[in-house]
Amino acid sequence: MGELALAYEARSYSTGIVGRSICNARNHHWVAENTGGEAVGAGELFCASIAACAVNMVSTIADKDKLALDGIDVSVELYRDFDKEPGEVSLYDAAKVKFEMWGVSDDDAKFLVKTWKQR
């Protein structure tokens, strides 16, 4: 294994308001809040980052493999049982990732999703 190189970096810091932070990556800045705030919640940002990873990676794979992917829409939902006794670590109880693709065959779409999952 070669030397590890930094692939991505982002940070978040407190604002003085409990449950609100400022996030940044490179020269981009945004507000993240706990659920129910005025800004996008950290859990929503987590879902969006998974969805963005899927859209960008699948479209790149399709382009590289010369598959006629016209469009892709990925949604991510995270589920938690709020009646369950909380543990030391906060975990989601289920996740649902839904892919919709246009322009590729069902077999190619299955190949693209399988490849994304493996990576």
PDB file of N, CA and C in Angstrom:
ATOM      1  N   MET A   1       0.849  -1.178   0.000  1.00  0.00           N
ATOM      2  CA  MET A   1       0.000   0.000   0.000  1.00  0.00           C
ATOM      3  C   MET A   1       0.889   1.234   0.000  1.00  0.00           C
ATOM      4  N   GLY A   2       0.551   2.193  -0.841  1.00  0.00           N
ATOM      5  CA  GLY A   2       1.328   3.421  -0.947  1.00  0.00           C
ATOM      6  C   GLY A   2       0.998   4.395   0.167  1.00  0.00           C
ATOM      7  N   GLU A   3       1.622   5.549   0.085  1.00  0.00           N
ATOM      8  CA  GLU A   3       1.379   6.601   1.062  1.00  0.00           C
ATOM      9  C   GLU A   3      -0.028   7.161   0.875  1.00  0.00           C
ATOM     10  N   LEU A   4      -0.712   7.405   1.972  1.00  0.00           N
ATOM     11  CA  LEU A   4      -2.059   7.956   1.896  1.00  0.00           C
ATOM     12  C   LEU A   4      -2.006   9.436   1.535  1.00  0.00           C
ATOM     13  N   ALA A   5      -2.903   9.840   0.655  1.00  0.00           N
ATOM     14  CA  ALA A   5      -3.012  11.241   0.257  1.00  0.00           C
ATOM     15  C   ALA A   5      -4.389  11.756   0.670  1.00  0.00           C
ATOM     16  N   LEU A   6      -4.450  12.967   1.108  1.00  0.00           N
ATOM     17  CA  LEU A   6      -5.706  13.581   1.502  1.00  0.00           C
ATOM     18  C   LEU A   6      -6.650  13.617   0.303  1.00  0.00           C
ATOM     19  N   ALA A   7      -7.864  13.076   0.464  1.00  0.00           N
ATOM     20  CA  ALA A   7      -8.853  13.073  -0.613  1.00  0.00           C
ATOM     21  C   ALA A   7      -9.849  14.220  -0.449  1.00  0.00           C
ATOM     22  N   TYR A   8     -10.361  14.394   0.758  1.00  0.00           N
ATOM     23  CA  TYR A   8     -11.344  15.440   1.032  1.00  0.00           C
ATOM     24  C   TYR A   8     -11.121  15.969   2.431  1.00  0.00           C
ATOM     25  N   GLU A   9     -11.567  17.204   2.636  1.00  0.00           N
ATOM     26  CA  GLU A   9     -11.479  17.790   3.965  1.00  0.00           C
ATOM     27  C   GLU A   9     -12.617  18.786   4.127  1.00  0.00           C
ATOM     28  N   ALA A  10     -13.261  18.754   5.275  1.00  0.00           N
ATOM     29  CA  ALA A  10     -14.294  19.720   5.638  1.00  0.00           C
ATOM     30  C   ALA A  10     -14.202  19.908   7.139  1.00  0.00           C
ATOM     31  N   ARG A  11     -14.752  21.014   7.608  1.00  0.00           N
ATOM     32  CA  ARG A  11     -14.746  21.247   9.052  1.00  0.00           C
ATOM     33  C   ARG A  11     -16.032  21.929   9.464  1.00  0.00           C
ATOM     34  N   SER A  12     -16.290  21.899  10.742  1.00  0.00           N
ATOM     35  CA  SER A  12     -17.452  22.559  11.316  1.00  0.00           C
ATOM     36  C   SER A  12     -17.045  23.140  12.660  1.00  0.00           C
ATOM     37  N   TYR A  13     -17.569  24.319  12.988  1.00  0.00           N
ATOM     38  CA  TYR A  13     -17.235  24.931  14.266  1.00  0.00           C
ATOM     39  C   TYR A  13     -18.467  25.600  14.863  1.00  0.00           C
ATOM     40  N   SER A  14     -18.462  25.717  16.181  1.00  0.00           N
ATOM     41  CA  SER A  14     -19.615  26.258  16.896  1.00  0.00           C
ATOM     42  C   SER A  14     -19.795  27.738  16.612  1.00  0.00           C
ATOM     43  N   THR A  15     -21.044  28.189  16.806  1.00  0.00           N
ATOM     44  CA  THR A  15     -21.378  29.590  16.540  1.00  0.00           C
ATOM     45  C   THR A  15     -21.712  30.364  17.803  1.00  0.00           C
ATOM     46  N   GLY A  16     -21.782  29.670  18.931  1.00  0.00           N
ATOM     47  CA  GLY A  16     -22.253  30.307  20.162  1.00  0.00           C
ATOM     48  C   GLY A  16     -23.731  30.057  20.388  1.00  0.00           C
ATOM     49  N   ILE A  17     -24.408  29.472  19.414  1.00  0.00           N
ATOM     50  CA  ILE A  17     -25.806  29.073  19.543  1.00  0.00           C
ATOM     51  C   ILE A  17     -25.822  27.549  19.607  1.00  0.00           C
ATOM     52  N   VAL A  18     -26.351  27.008  20.686  1.00  0.00           N
ATOM     53  CA  VAL A  18     -26.372  25.555  20.863  1.00  0.00           C
ATOM     54  C   VAL A  18     -27.143  24.902  19.719  1.00  0.00           C
ATOM     55  N   GLY A  19     -26.536  23.892  19.105  1.00  0.00           N
ATOM     56  CA  GLY A  19     -27.189  23.168  18.026  1.00  0.00           C
ATOM     57  C   GLY A  19     -26.990  23.783  16.649  1.00  0.00           C
ATOM     58  N   ARG A  20     -26.163  24.811  16.535  1.00  0.00           N
ATOM     59  CA  ARG A  20     -25.902  25.444  15.237  1.00  0.00           C
ATOM     60  C   ARG A  20     -24.396  25.536  15.021  1.00  0.00           C
ATOM     61  N   SER A  21     -23.963  25.180  13.811  1.00  0.00           N
ATOM     62  CA  SER A  21     -22.534  25.263  13.490  1.00  0.00           C
ATOM     63  C   SER A  21     -22.354  25.832  12.094  1.00  0.00           C
ATOM     64  N   ILE A  22     -21.159  26.301  11.851  1.00  0.00           N
ATOM     65  CA  ILE A  22     -20.765  26.753  10.518  1.00  0.00           C
ATOM     66  C   ILE A  22     -19.845  25.679   9.958  1.00  0.00           C
ATOM     67  N   CYS A  23     -20.129  25.254   8.742  1.00  0.00           N
ATOM     68  CA  CYS A  23     -19.320  24.241   8.078  1.00  0.00           C
ATOM     69  C   CYS A  23     -18.597  24.875   6.906  1.00  0.00           C
ATOM     70  N   ASN A  24     -17.462  24.303   6.557  1.00  0.00           N
ATOM     71  CA  ASN A  24     -16.801  24.775   5.347  1.00  0.00           C
ATOM     72  C   ASN A  24     -15.984  23.668   4.718  1.00  0.00           C
ATOM     73  N   ALA A  25     -15.862  23.792   3.424  1.00  0.00           N
ATOM     74  CA  ALA A  25     -14.998  22.952   2.605  1.00  0.00           C
ATOM     75  C   ALA A  25     -14.425  23.884   1.548  1.00  0.00           C
ATOM     76  N   ARG A  26     -13.119  23.937   1.489  1.00  0.00           N
ATOM     77  CA  ARG A  26     -12.412  24.882   0.620  1.00  0.00           C
ATOM     78  C   ARG A  26     -12.916  26.296   0.902  1.00  0.00           C
ATOM     79  N   ASN A  27     -13.490  26.990  -0.068  1.00  0.00           N
ATOM     80  CA  ASN A  27     -13.966  28.360   0.148  1.00  0.00           C
ATOM     81  C   ASN A  27     -15.495  28.434   0.254  1.00  0.00           C
ATOM     82  N   HIS A  28     -16.146  27.306   0.518  1.00  0.00           N
ATOM     83  CA  HIS A  28     -17.604  27.251   0.640  1.00  0.00           C
ATOM     84  C   HIS A  28     -17.992  27.130   2.111  1.00  0.00           C
ATOM     85  N   HIS A  29     -18.984  27.896   2.517  1.00  0.00           N
ATOM     86  CA  HIS A  29     -19.430  27.924   3.907  1.00  0.00           C
ATOM     87  C   HIS A  29     -20.938  27.746   3.950  1.00  0.00           C
ATOM     88  N   TRP A  30     -21.430  27.018   4.978  1.00  0.00           N
ATOM     89  CA  TRP A  30     -22.859  26.842   5.159  1.00  0.00           C
ATOM     90  C   TRP A  30     -23.159  26.583   6.627  1.00  0.00           C
ATOM     91  N   VAL A  31     -24.419  26.793   6.997  1.00  0.00           N
ATOM     92  CA  VAL A  31     -24.881  26.596   8.373  1.00  0.00           C
ATOM     93  C   VAL A  31     -25.518  25.217   8.472  1.00  0.00           C
ATOM     94  N   ALA A  32     -25.241  24.524   9.559  1.00  0.00           N
ATOM     95  CA  ALA A  32     -25.895  23.243   9.855  1.00  0.00           C
ATOM     96  C   ALA A  32     -26.495  23.341  11.250  1.00  0.00           C
ATOM     97  N   GLU A  33     -27.678  22.758  11.414  1.00  0.00           N
ATOM     98  CA  GLU A  33     -28.350  22.800  12.707  1.00  0.00           C
ATOM     99  C   GLU A  33     -28.845  21.417  13.096  1.00  0.00           C
ATOM    100  N   ASN A  34     -29.248  21.326  14.356  1.00  0.00           N
ATOM    101  CA  ASN A  34     -29.969  20.138  14.777  1.00  0.00           C
ATOM    102  C   ASN A  34     -31.302  20.103  14.044  1.00  0.00           C
ATOM    103  N   THR A  35     -31.983  18.995  14.099  1.00  0.00           N
ATOM    104  CA  THR A  35     -33.282  18.845  13.438  1.00  0.00           C
ATOM    105  C   THR A  35     -34.248  19.939  13.889  1.00  0.00           C
ATOM    106  N   GLY A  36     -34.966  20.497  12.940  1.00  0.00           N
ATOM    107  CA  GLY A  36     -35.995  21.472  13.251  1.00  0.00           C
ATOM    108  C   GLY A  36     -35.542  22.914  13.250  1.00  0.00           C
ATOM    109  N   GLY A  37     -34.292  23.158  12.942  1.00  0.00           N
ATOM    110  CA  GLY A  37     -33.798  24.531  12.912  1.00  0.00           C
ATOM    111  C   GLY A  37     -34.127  25.209  11.594  1.00  0.00           C
ATOM    112  N   GLU A  38     -33.692  26.445  11.473  1.00  0.00           N
ATOM    113  CA  GLU A  38     -33.923  27.200  10.244  1.00  0.00           C
ATOM    114  C   GLU A  38     -33.037  26.720   9.105  1.00  0.00           C
ATOM    115  N   ALA A  39     -31.851  26.223   9.424  1.00  0.00           N
ATOM    116  CA  ALA A  39     -30.898  25.771   8.410  1.00  0.00           C
ATOM    117  C   ALA A  39     -31.036  24.257   8.201  1.00  0.00           C
ATOM    118  N   VAL A  40     -30.330  23.754   7.219  1.00  0.00           N
ATOM    119  CA  VAL A  40     -30.318  22.328   6.941  1.00  0.00           C
ATOM    120  C   VAL A  40     -29.685  21.618   8.135  1.00  0.00           C
ATOM    121  N   GLY A  41     -30.281  20.491   8.523  1.00  0.00           N
ATOM    122  CA  GLY A  41     -29.780  19.730   9.658  1.00  0.00           C
ATOM    123  C   GLY A  41     -28.581  18.869   9.284  1.00  0.00           C
ATOM    124  N   ALA A  42     -27.772  18.541  10.279  1.00  0.00           N
ATOM    125  CA  ALA A  42     -26.584  17.717  10.050  1.00  0.00           C
ATOM    126  C   ALA A  42     -26.970  16.352   9.472  1.00  0.00           C
ATOM    127  N   GLY A  43     -28.065  15.763   9.936  1.00  0.00           N
ATOM    128  CA  GLY A  43     -28.532  14.487   9.386  1.00  0.00           C
ATOM    129  C   GLY A  43     -28.935  14.614   7.928  1.00  0.00           C
ATOM    130  N   GLU A  44     -29.549  15.728   7.577  1.00  0.00           N
ATOM    131  CA  GLU A  44     -29.912  15.984   6.180  1.00  0.00           C
ATOM    132  C   GLU A  44     -28.668  16.158   5.322  1.00  0.00           C
ATOM    133  N   LEU A  45     -27.671  16.837   5.855  1.00  0.00           N
ATOM    134  CA  LEU A  45     -26.408  16.985   5.128  1.00  0.00           C
ATOM    135  C   LEU A  45     -25.733  15.632   4.933  1.00  0.00           C
ATOM    136  N   PHE A  46     -25.832  14.751   5.934  1.00  0.00           N
ATOM    137  CA  PHE A  46     -25.284  13.407   5.826  1.00  0.00           C
ATOM    138  C   PHE A  46     -25.986  12.650   4.696  1.00  0.00           C
ATOM    139  N   CYS A  47     -27.326  12.726   4.655  1.00  0.00           N
ATOM    140  CA  CYS A  47     -28.088  12.088   3.570  1.00  0.00           C
ATOM    141  C   CYS A  47     -27.679  12.665   2.215  1.00  0.00           C
ATOM    142  N   ALA A  48     -27.575  13.977   2.132  1.00  0.00           N
ATOM    143  CA  ALA A  48     -27.220  14.634   0.871  1.00  0.00           C
ATOM    144  C   ALA A  48     -25.825  14.238   0.419  1.00  0.00           C
ATOM    145  N   SER A  49     -24.901  14.059   1.356  1.00  0.00           N
ATOM    146  CA  SER A  49     -23.538  13.686   0.963  1.00  0.00           C
ATOM    147  C   SER A  49     -23.503  12.268   0.403  1.00  0.00           C
ATOM    148  N   ILE A  50     -24.290  11.368   0.967  1.00  0.00           N
ATOM    149  CA  ILE A  50     -24.374  10.004   0.423  1.00  0.00           C
ATOM    150  C   ILE A  50     -24.989  10.046  -0.974  1.00  0.00           C
ATOM    151  N   ALA A  51     -26.082  10.814  -1.127  1.00  0.00           N
ATOM    152  CA  ALA A  51     -26.753  10.920  -2.423  1.00  0.00           C
ATOM    153  C   ALA A  51     -25.833  11.544  -3.468  1.00  0.00           C
ATOM    154  N   ALA A  52     -25.117  12.597  -3.102  1.00  0.00           N
ATOM    155  CA  ALA A  52     -24.195  13.248  -4.041  1.00  0.00           C
ATOM    156  C   ALA A  52     -23.076  12.298  -4.448  1.00  0.00           C
ATOM    157  N   CYS A  53     -22.566  11.546  -3.489  1.00  0.00           N
ATOM    158  CA  CYS A  53     -21.530  10.549  -3.789  1.00  0.00           C
ATOM    159  C   CYS A  53     -22.062   9.556  -4.817  1.00  0.00           C
ATOM    160  N   ALA A  54     -23.280   9.076  -4.612  1.00  0.00           N
ATOM    161  CA  ALA A  54     -23.866   8.092  -5.530  1.00  0.00           C
ATOM    162  C   ALA A  54     -24.071   8.675  -6.924  1.00  0.00           C
ATOM    163  N   VAL A  55     -24.666   9.857  -7.017  1.00  0.00           N
ATOM    164  CA  VAL A  55     -24.914  10.483  -8.314  1.00  0.00           C
ATOM    165  C   VAL A  55     -23.607  10.721  -9.058  1.00  0.00           C
ATOM    166  N   ASN A  56     -22.636  11.303  -8.385  1.00  0.00           N
ATOM    167  CA  ASN A  56     -21.380  11.648  -9.046  1.00  0.00           C
ATOM    168  C   ASN A  56     -20.571  10.413  -9.423  1.00  0.00           C
ATOM    169  N   MET A  57     -20.511   9.426  -8.522  1.00  0.00           N
ATOM    170  CA  MET A  57     -19.735   8.231  -8.818  1.00  0.00           C
ATOM    171  C   MET A  57     -20.386   7.410  -9.935  1.00  0.00           C
ATOM    172  N   VAL A  58     -21.704   7.215  -9.860  1.00  0.00           N
ATOM    173  CA  VAL A  58     -22.394   6.423 -10.881  1.00  0.00           C
ATOM    174  C   VAL A  58     -22.301   7.090 -12.247  1.00  0.00           C
ATOM    175  N   SER A  59     -22.462   8.407 -12.304  1.00  0.00           N
ATOM    176  CA  SER A  59     -22.371   9.080 -13.603  1.00  0.00           C
ATOM    177  C   SER A  59     -20.952   8.988 -14.167  1.00  0.00           C
ATOM    178  N   THR A  60     -19.949   9.036 -13.295  1.00  0.00           N
ATOM    179  CA  THR A  60     -18.559   8.887 -13.740  1.00  0.00           C
ATOM    180  C   THR A  60     -18.291   7.477 -14.258  1.00  0.00           C
ATOM    181  N   ILE A  61     -18.781   6.473 -13.543  1.00  0.00           N
ATOM    182  CA  ILE A  61     -18.615   5.079 -13.979  1.00  0.00           C
ATOM    183  C   ILE A  61     -19.317   4.861 -15.316  1.00  0.00           C
ATOM    184  N   ALA A  62     -20.539   5.362 -15.453  1.00  0.00           N
ATOM    185  CA  ALA A  62     -21.293   5.208 -16.702  1.00  0.00           C
ATOM    186  C   ALA A  62     -20.558   5.862 -17.860  1.00  0.00           C
ATOM    187  N   ASP A  63     -20.014   7.051 -17.624  1.00  0.00           N
ATOM    188  CA  ASP A  63     -19.269   7.749 -18.670  1.00  0.00           C
ATOM    189  C   ASP A  63     -18.024   6.955 -19.066  1.00  0.00           C
ATOM    190  N   LYS A  64     -17.288   6.475 -18.082  1.00  0.00           N
ATOM    191  CA  LYS A  64     -16.063   5.703 -18.337  1.00  0.00           C
ATOM    192  C   LYS A  64     -16.370   4.423 -19.114  1.00  0.00           C
ATOM    193  N   ASP A  65     -17.500   3.762 -18.761  1.00  0.00           N
ATOM    194  CA  ASP A  65     -17.877   2.505 -19.414  1.00  0.00           C
ATOM    195  C   ASP A  65     -18.742   2.714 -20.661  1.00  0.00           C
ATOM    196  N   LYS A  66     -18.895   3.984 -21.073  1.00  0.00           N
ATOM    197  CA  LYS A  66     -19.663   4.344 -22.277  1.00  0.00           C
ATOM    198  C   LYS A  66     -21.107   3.844 -22.215  1.00  0.00           C
ATOM    199  N   LEU A  67     -21.736   3.969 -21.027  1.00  0.00           N
ATOM    200  CA  LEU A  67     -23.142   3.621 -20.856  1.00  0.00           C
ATOM    201  C   LEU A  67     -23.965   4.893 -21.036  1.00  0.00           C
ATOM    202  N   ALA A  68     -25.076   4.788 -21.712  1.00  0.00           N
ATOM    203  CA  ALA A  68     -25.875   5.961 -22.094  1.00  0.00           C
ATOM    204  C   ALA A  68     -26.764   6.448 -20.949  1.00  0.00           C
ATOM    205  N   LEU A  69     -26.155   6.832 -19.839  1.00  0.00           N
ATOM    206  CA  LEU A  69     -26.910   7.349 -18.699  1.00  0.00           C
ATOM    207  C   LEU A  69     -27.316   8.789 -18.991  1.00  0.00           C
ATOM    208  N   ASP A  70     -28.625   9.017 -19.151  1.00  0.00           N
ATOM    209  CA  ASP A  70     -29.130  10.366 -19.435  1.00  0.00           C
ATOM    210  C   ASP A  70     -29.328  11.182 -18.166  1.00  0.00           C
ATOM    211  N   GLY A  71     -29.653  10.506 -17.074  1.00  0.00           N
ATOM    212  CA  GLY A  71     -29.900  11.208 -15.816  1.00  0.00           C
ATOM    213  C   GLY A  71     -30.001  10.227 -14.674  1.00  0.00           C
ATOM    214  N   ILE A  72     -29.777  10.742 -13.465  1.00  0.00           N
ATOM    215  CA  ILE A  72     -29.846   9.916 -12.262  1.00  0.00           C
ATOM    216  C   ILE A  72     -30.367  10.764 -11.116  1.00  0.00           C
ATOM    217  N   ASP A  73     -31.201  10.165 -10.288  1.00  0.00           N
ATOM    218  CA  ASP A  73     -31.779  10.806  -9.104  1.00  0.00           C
ATOM    219  C   ASP A  73     -31.624   9.816  -7.957  1.00  0.00           C
ATOM    220  N   VAL A  74     -30.947  10.227  -6.900  1.00  0.00           N
ATOM    221  CA  VAL A  74     -30.737   9.362  -5.744  1.00  0.00           C
ATOM    222  C   VAL A  74     -31.300  10.054  -4.509  1.00  0.00           C
ATOM    223  N   SER A  75     -32.116   9.323  -3.751  1.00  0.00           N
ATOM    224  CA  SER A  75     -32.610   9.849  -2.479  1.00  0.00           C
ATOM    225  C   SER A  75     -32.149   8.922  -1.362  1.00  0.00           C
ATOM    226  N   VAL A  76     -31.865   9.511  -0.208  1.00  0.00           N
ATOM    227  CA  VAL A  76     -31.397   8.760   0.954  1.00  0.00           C
ATOM    228  C   VAL A  76     -32.293   9.108   2.132  1.00  0.00           C
ATOM    229  N   GLU A  77     -32.787   8.076   2.796  1.00  0.00           N
ATOM    230  CA  GLU A  77     -33.608   8.241   3.990  1.00  0.00           C
ATOM    231  C   GLU A  77     -32.963   7.456   5.127  1.00  0.00           C
ATOM    232  N   LEU A  78     -32.870   8.067   6.294  1.00  0.00           N
ATOM    233  CA  LEU A  78     -32.355   7.397   7.480  1.00  0.00           C
ATOM    234  C   LEU A  78     -33.475   7.290   8.505  1.00  0.00           C
ATOM    235  N   TYR A  79     -33.562   6.147   9.152  1.00  0.00           N
ATOM    236  CA  TYR A  79     -34.632   5.885  10.107  1.00  0.00           C
ATOM    237  C   TYR A  79     -34.049   5.600  11.478  1.00  0.00           C
ATOM    238  N   ARG A  80     -34.761   6.076  12.489  1.00  0.00           N
ATOM    239  CA  ARG A  80     -34.358   5.846  13.876  1.00  0.00           C
ATOM    240  C   ARG A  80     -35.616   5.549  14.691  1.00  0.00           C
ATOM    241  N   ASP A  81     -35.499   4.593  15.599  1.00  0.00           N
ATOM    242  CA  ASP A  81     -36.583   4.265  16.524  1.00  0.00           C
ATOM    243  C   ASP A  81     -36.419   5.155  17.746  1.00  0.00           C
ATOM    244  N   PHE A  82     -37.219   6.213  17.831  1.00  0.00           N
ATOM    245  CA  PHE A  82     -37.078   7.178  18.920  1.00  0.00           C
ATOM    246  C   PHE A  82     -37.634   6.656  20.238  1.00  0.00           C
ATOM    247  N   ASP A  83     -38.385   5.526  20.192  1.00  0.00           N
ATOM    248  CA  ASP A  83     -38.887   4.922  21.427  1.00  0.00           C
ATOM    249  C   ASP A  83     -37.854   4.001  22.068  1.00  0.00           C
ATOM    250  N   LYS A  84     -36.817   3.656  21.326  1.00  0.00           N
ATOM    251  CA  LYS A  84     -35.765   2.776  21.813  1.00  0.00           C
ATOM    252  C   LYS A  84     -34.899   3.522  22.819  1.00  0.00           C
ATOM    253  N   GLU A  85     -34.483   2.820  23.854  1.00  0.00           N
ATOM    254  CA  GLU A  85     -33.591   3.399  24.858  1.00  0.00           C
ATOM    255  C   GLU A  85     -32.279   3.806  24.190  1.00  0.00           C
ATOM    256  N   PRO A  86     -31.858   5.061  24.332  1.00  0.00           N
ATOM    257  CA  PRO A  86     -30.603   5.475  23.683  1.00  0.00           C
ATOM    258  C   PRO A  86     -29.404   4.752  24.285  1.00  0.00           C
ATOM    259  N   GLY A  87     -28.455   4.440  23.435  1.00  0.00           N
ATOM    260  CA  GLY A  87     -27.222   3.797  23.881  1.00  0.00           C
ATOM    261  C   GLY A  87     -26.104   4.813  23.979  1.00  0.00           C
ATOM    262  N   GLU A  88     -24.906   4.318  24.162  1.00  0.00           N
ATOM    263  CA  GLU A  88     -23.743   5.201  24.242  1.00  0.00           C
ATOM    264  C   GLU A  88     -23.433   5.836  22.897  1.00  0.00           C
ATOM    265  N   VAL A  89     -23.778   5.119  21.819  1.00  0.00           N
ATOM    266  CA  VAL A  89     -23.531   5.594  20.468  1.00  0.00           C
ATOM    267  C   VAL A  89     -24.878   5.763  19.780  1.00  0.00           C
ATOM    268  N   SER A  90     -25.085   6.895  19.149  1.00  0.00           N
ATOM    269  CA  SER A  90     -26.324   7.147  18.422  1.00  0.00           C
ATOM    270  C   SER A  90     -26.217   6.535  17.034  1.00  0.00           C
ATOM    271  N   LEU A  91     -27.109   5.606  16.731  1.00  0.00           N
ATOM    272  CA  LEU A  91     -27.086   4.916  15.440  1.00  0.00           C
ATOM    273  C   LEU A  91     -28.428   5.047  14.743  1.00  0.00           C
ATOM    274  N   TYR A  92     -28.405   4.981  13.439  1.00  0.00           N
ATOM    275  CA  TYR A  92     -29.638   4.884  12.680  1.00  0.00           C
ATOM    276  C   TYR A  92     -30.036   3.417  12.637  1.00  0.00           C
ATOM    277  N   ASP A  93     -31.329   3.157  12.677  1.00  0.00           N
ATOM    278  CA  ASP A  93     -31.823   1.783  12.690  1.00  0.00           C
ATOM    279  C   ASP A  93     -31.995   1.216  11.287  1.00  0.00           C
ATOM    280  N   ALA A  94     -32.136   2.086  10.298  1.00  0.00           N
ATOM    281  CA  ALA A  94     -32.280   1.630   8.913  1.00  0.00           C
ATOM    282  C   ALA A  94     -31.933   2.773   7.976  1.00  0.00           C
ATOM    283  N   ALA A  95     -31.508   2.402   6.781  1.00  0.00           N
ATOM    284  CA  ALA A  95     -31.216   3.382   5.733  1.00  0.00           C
ATOM    285  C   ALA A  95     -31.817   2.877   4.440  1.00  0.00           C
ATOM    286  N   LYS A  96     -32.358   3.799   3.654  1.00  0.00           N
ATOM    287  CA  LYS A  96     -32.932   3.449   2.362  1.00  0.00           C
ATOM    288  C   LYS A  96     -32.303   4.373   1.318  1.00  0.00           C
ATOM    289  N   VAL A  97     -31.665   3.782   0.315  1.00  0.00           N
ATOM    290  CA  VAL A  97     -31.074   4.541  -0.785  1.00  0.00           C
ATOM    291  C   VAL A  97     -31.828   4.136  -2.044  1.00  0.00           C
ATOM    292  N   LYS A  98     -32.473   5.109  -2.669  1.00  0.00           N
ATOM    293  CA  LYS A  98     -33.288   4.841  -3.858  1.00  0.00           C
ATOM    294  C   LYS A  98     -32.630   5.483  -5.073  1.00  0.00           C
ATOM    295  N   PHE A  99     -32.377   4.662  -6.097  1.00  0.00           N
ATOM    296  CA  PHE A  99     -31.791   5.117  -7.351  1.00  0.00           C
ATOM    297  C   PHE A  99     -32.857   5.142  -8.434  1.00  0.00           C
ATOM    298  N   GLU A 100     -32.914   6.204  -9.210  1.00  0.00           N
ATOM    299  CA  GLU A 100     -33.709   6.270 -10.439  1.00  0.00           C
ATOM    300  C   GLU A 100     -32.764   6.719 -11.542  1.00  0.00           C
ATOM    301  N   MET A 101     -32.774   5.975 -12.657  1.00  0.00           N
ATOM    302  CA  MET A 101     -31.880   6.300 -13.771  1.00  0.00           C
ATOM    303  C   MET A 101     -32.651   6.301 -15.076  1.00  0.00           C
ATOM    304  N   TRP A 102     -32.195   7.150 -16.004  1.00  0.00           N
ATOM    305  CA  TRP A 102     -32.790   7.240 -17.321  1.00  0.00           C
ATOM    306  C   TRP A 102     -31.720   7.013 -18.373  1.00  0.00           C
ATOM    307  N   GLY A 103     -32.097   6.293 -19.430  1.00  0.00           N
ATOM    308  CA  GLY A 103     -31.203   6.115 -20.570  1.00  0.00           C
ATOM    309  C   GLY A 103     -30.433   4.816 -20.572  1.00  0.00           C
ATOM    310  N   VAL A 104     -30.389   4.108 -19.441  1.00  0.00           N
ATOM    311  CA  VAL A 104     -29.662   2.840 -19.389  1.00  0.00           C
ATOM    312  C   VAL A 104     -30.657   1.690 -19.216  1.00  0.00           C
ATOM    313  N   SER A 105     -30.232   0.506 -19.608  1.00  0.00           N
ATOM    314  CA  SER A 105     -31.069  -0.685 -19.434  1.00  0.00           C
ATOM    315  C   SER A 105     -31.140  -1.038 -17.954  1.00  0.00           C
ATOM    316  N   ASP A 106     -32.099  -1.886 -17.601  1.00  0.00           N
ATOM    317  CA  ASP A 106     -32.210  -2.349 -16.223  1.00  0.00           C
ATOM    318  C   ASP A 106     -30.924  -3.062 -15.784  1.00  0.00           C
ATOM    319  N   ASP A 107     -30.360  -3.871 -16.683  1.00  0.00           N
ATOM    320  CA  ASP A 107     -29.119  -4.580 -16.347  1.00  0.00           C
ATOM    321  C   ASP A 107     -27.967  -3.608 -16.095  1.00  0.00           C
ATOM    322  N   ASP A 108     -27.861  -2.576 -16.935  1.00  0.00           N
ATOM    323  CA  ASP A 108     -26.799  -1.583 -16.728  1.00  0.00           C
ATOM    324  C   ASP A 108     -27.022  -0.810 -15.430  1.00  0.00           C
ATOM    325  N   ALA A 109     -28.277  -0.488 -15.132  1.00  0.00           N
ATOM    326  CA  ALA A 109     -28.585   0.221 -13.885  1.00  0.00           C
ATOM    327  C   ALA A 109     -28.201  -0.639 -12.679  1.00  0.00           C
ATOM    328  N   LYS A 110     -28.517  -1.921 -12.733  1.00  0.00           N
ATOM    329  CA  LYS A 110     -28.149  -2.831 -11.635  1.00  0.00           C
ATOM    330  C   LYS A 110     -26.635  -2.921 -11.499  1.00  0.00           C
ATOM    331  N   PHE A 111     -25.927  -2.971 -12.616  1.00  0.00           N
ATOM    332  CA  PHE A 111     -24.468  -2.993 -12.598  1.00  0.00           C
ATOM    333  C   PHE A 111     -23.917  -1.725 -11.940  1.00  0.00           C
ATOM    334  N   LEU A 112     -24.467  -0.566 -12.289  1.00  0.00           N
ATOM    335  CA  LEU A 112     -23.986   0.702 -11.749  1.00  0.00           C
ATOM    336  C   LEU A 112     -24.208   0.792 -10.243  1.00  0.00           C
ATOM    337  N   VAL A 113     -25.384   0.370  -9.775  1.00  0.00           N
ATOM    338  CA  VAL A 113     -25.670   0.405  -8.335  1.00  0.00           C
ATOM    339  C   VAL A 113     -24.763  -0.581  -7.605  1.00  0.00           C
ATOM    340  N   LYS A 114     -24.598  -1.781  -8.154  1.00  0.00           N
ATOM    341  CA  LYS A 114     -23.723  -2.787  -7.534  1.00  0.00           C
ATOM    342  C   LYS A 114     -22.282  -2.262  -7.435  1.00  0.00           C
ATOM    343  N   THR A 115     -21.804  -1.634  -8.491  1.00  0.00           N
ATOM    344  CA  THR A 115     -20.448  -1.088  -8.485  1.00  0.00           C
ATOM    345  C   THR A 115     -20.315   0.011  -7.432  1.00  0.00           C
ATOM    346  N   TRP A 116     -21.311   0.891  -7.330  1.00  0.00           N
ATOM    347  CA  TRP A 116     -21.294   1.942  -6.304  1.00  0.00           C
ATOM    348  C   TRP A 116     -21.225   1.328  -4.912  1.00  0.00           C
ATOM    349  N   LYS A 117     -22.052   0.310  -4.666  1.00  0.00           N
ATOM    350  CA  LYS A 117     -22.060  -0.325  -3.346  1.00  0.00           C
ATOM    351  C   LYS A 117     -20.708  -0.945  -3.005  1.00  0.00           C
ATOM    352  N   GLN A 118     -20.057  -1.522  -3.992  1.00  0.00           N
ATOM    353  CA  GLN A 118     -18.767  -2.168  -3.757  1.00  0.00           C
ATOM    354  C   GLN A 118     -17.663  -1.161  -3.470  1.00  0.00           C
ATOM    355  N   ARG A 119     -17.785   0.026  -4.008  1.00  0.00           N
ATOM    356  CA  ARG A 119     -16.739   1.035  -3.827  1.00  0.00           C
ATOM    357  C   ARG A 119     -16.974   1.828  -2.567  1.00  0.00           C
TER     358      ARG A 119
END
